Protein backbone atom coordinates (compact mmCIF):
# COMPACT_ATOMS: atom_id res chain seq x y z
CA MET A 1 -46.40 95.84 -94.78
CA SER A 2 -48.96 97.78 -92.77
CA GLN A 3 -48.16 101.23 -91.35
CA GLU A 4 -48.16 99.72 -87.85
CA GLN A 5 -45.64 97.02 -88.86
CA ASP A 6 -43.47 99.61 -90.62
CA SER A 7 -43.54 101.78 -87.48
CA ASP A 8 -42.53 98.81 -85.30
CA GLN A 9 -39.65 98.00 -87.68
CA LYS A 10 -38.40 101.60 -87.47
CA LYS A 11 -38.50 101.47 -83.64
CA ILE A 12 -36.21 98.43 -83.71
CA HIS A 13 -33.85 99.33 -86.55
CA GLY A 14 -34.36 103.04 -87.32
CA SER A 15 -35.01 104.48 -90.74
CA SER A 16 -33.08 103.22 -93.72
CA GLY A 17 -29.62 104.83 -93.82
CA CYS A 18 -29.92 106.44 -90.36
CA TRP A 19 -28.56 105.05 -87.11
CA SER A 20 -31.17 104.13 -84.53
CA GLU A 21 -30.75 105.50 -81.01
CA MET A 22 -28.36 103.61 -78.76
CA LYS A 23 -30.37 101.19 -76.63
CA SER A 24 -29.43 99.31 -73.50
CA VAL A 25 -29.43 95.52 -73.72
CA GLU A 26 -30.85 95.48 -70.20
CA GLY A 27 -34.43 94.29 -70.39
CA LEU A 28 -34.16 92.98 -73.97
CA PRO A 29 -35.64 89.57 -74.70
CA ARG A 30 -33.05 86.80 -74.25
CA GLU A 31 -33.09 85.93 -77.97
CA GLU A 32 -32.05 89.49 -78.93
CA VAL A 33 -29.16 89.49 -76.45
CA THR A 34 -28.16 86.05 -77.77
CA MET A 35 -28.21 87.42 -81.34
CA LEU A 36 -25.93 90.34 -80.34
CA GLN A 37 -23.59 87.92 -78.55
CA GLY A 38 -23.55 85.74 -81.68
CA LEU A 39 -22.44 88.73 -83.76
CA HIS A 40 -19.62 89.35 -81.27
CA ASP A 41 -18.57 85.72 -81.41
CA LYS A 42 -18.28 85.90 -85.21
CA VAL A 43 -15.97 88.95 -85.14
CA ARG A 44 -14.12 88.31 -81.87
CA GLU A 45 -10.90 87.10 -83.49
CA ALA A 46 -10.72 90.08 -85.88
CA ALA A 47 -11.43 92.55 -83.04
CA GLN A 48 -8.78 90.97 -80.79
CA GLU A 49 -6.31 91.27 -83.65
CA LYS A 50 -7.12 95.00 -84.00
CA ALA A 51 -6.84 95.45 -80.22
CA GLY A 52 -3.58 93.53 -80.11
CA LYS A 53 -4.74 91.43 -77.16
CA PRO A 54 -7.29 88.77 -76.23
CA PHE A 55 -10.57 89.72 -74.59
CA THR A 56 -11.32 88.07 -71.26
CA ALA A 57 -15.02 88.89 -71.58
CA LEU A 58 -17.47 90.08 -74.20
CA GLU A 59 -20.59 91.47 -72.55
CA PRO A 60 -22.88 93.68 -74.68
CA LEU A 61 -24.12 96.85 -72.95
CA GLN A 62 -25.70 99.04 -75.63
CA PHE A 63 -26.37 98.85 -79.35
CA ALA A 64 -27.68 100.77 -82.34
CA THR A 65 -28.49 99.63 -85.85
CA GLN A 66 -28.32 101.14 -89.31
CA ILE A 67 -30.17 99.68 -92.29
CA VAL A 68 -28.02 99.69 -95.42
CA ALA A 69 -27.70 96.87 -97.97
CA GLY A 70 -27.98 94.63 -94.92
CA THR A 71 -27.62 95.89 -91.34
CA LYS A 72 -24.79 97.56 -89.45
CA TYR A 73 -24.68 97.05 -85.70
CA CYS A 74 -22.87 99.40 -83.35
CA ILE A 75 -22.35 97.44 -80.14
CA LEU A 76 -20.73 98.74 -76.95
CA ALA A 77 -19.45 95.87 -74.79
CA TYR A 78 -17.19 95.15 -71.86
CA ILE A 79 -14.11 93.32 -73.15
CA ASP A 80 -12.51 92.34 -69.86
CA ASP A 81 -13.62 90.51 -66.71
CA LYS A 82 -12.82 93.50 -64.50
CA LYS A 83 -15.09 95.77 -66.60
CA GLU A 84 -12.30 98.34 -66.95
CA TYR A 85 -12.41 98.51 -70.75
CA VAL A 86 -15.17 98.69 -73.32
CA GLY A 87 -15.02 97.97 -77.00
CA VAL A 88 -17.08 99.70 -79.64
CA PHE A 89 -17.76 97.29 -82.46
CA ILE A 90 -19.23 98.18 -85.85
CA ILE A 91 -20.41 94.91 -87.33
CA TYR A 92 -21.94 94.52 -90.79
CA MET A 93 -24.35 91.72 -91.72
CA ASN A 94 -25.09 91.57 -95.43
CA LEU A 95 -28.36 90.43 -96.97
CA THR A 96 -27.20 86.80 -97.10
CA GLY A 97 -26.27 86.78 -93.39
CA ASP A 98 -22.47 87.01 -93.75
CA VAL A 99 -20.95 88.96 -90.85
CA SER A 100 -17.79 91.10 -90.78
CA LEU A 101 -16.11 93.58 -88.45
CA THR A 102 -16.11 97.08 -89.96
CA SER A 103 -14.33 98.85 -87.11
CA PHE A 104 -13.30 98.45 -83.50
CA GLU A 105 -12.32 101.02 -80.85
CA GLU A 106 -11.24 100.40 -77.28
CA HIS A 107 -11.89 102.85 -74.43
CA LYS A 108 -11.41 102.96 -70.67
CA ALA A 109 -14.76 102.28 -69.01
CA ASN A 110 -14.37 105.26 -66.65
CA PHE A 111 -16.31 107.65 -68.86
CA ASP A 112 -20.00 108.29 -69.23
CA ILE A 113 -20.95 105.34 -71.41
CA ARG A 114 -23.27 107.04 -73.85
CA PHE A 115 -22.51 106.85 -77.52
CA THR A 116 -24.09 108.60 -80.42
CA PRO A 117 -23.15 107.10 -83.76
CA PRO A 118 -20.66 107.73 -85.27
CA LEU A 119 -19.25 106.62 -81.92
CA ILE A 120 -18.18 109.63 -79.92
CA PRO A 121 -17.96 108.83 -76.19
CA SER A 122 -19.24 111.44 -73.79
CA THR A 123 -16.53 112.92 -71.59
CA PRO A 124 -17.15 112.75 -67.85
CA PRO A 125 -17.78 116.21 -66.38
CA GLU A 126 -14.77 116.08 -64.05
CA THR A 127 -12.29 115.66 -66.96
CA LYS A 128 -13.71 118.21 -69.41
CA ASN A 129 -11.79 121.20 -68.07
CA ASN A 130 -9.07 119.48 -66.08
CA PRO A 131 -6.15 118.39 -68.30
CA ASP A 132 -4.50 116.57 -65.36
CA LYS A 133 -7.31 113.98 -65.19
CA LYS A 134 -7.52 111.36 -67.92
């Protein structure tokens, strides 16, 4: 692999073992969004079981990747039609293409949707010092 190809690979997936930066799906080529949606489809049942409820939507918003023995995907997605809740999915795809859900977290969508792996949501400024607001 040339240095240029290696650099391009790192821009997409990050360095081996490190999480890439969270990226918006907005503006991604259709095939990449379709691939992320396909990962969601494969783990939807397991995630709904962890959430204890069905999802009425599954719309990817942001994602990051981590190269391990395969690839881990951290995907932030709306999980309801009203866009009130987001799910944070950690999905693992091994070297043979098998996909599994590693973890799932659900959050209200009323916070600043910016995640830094290992998945710590930013707190909106108005709730940081006001315990009455949630």
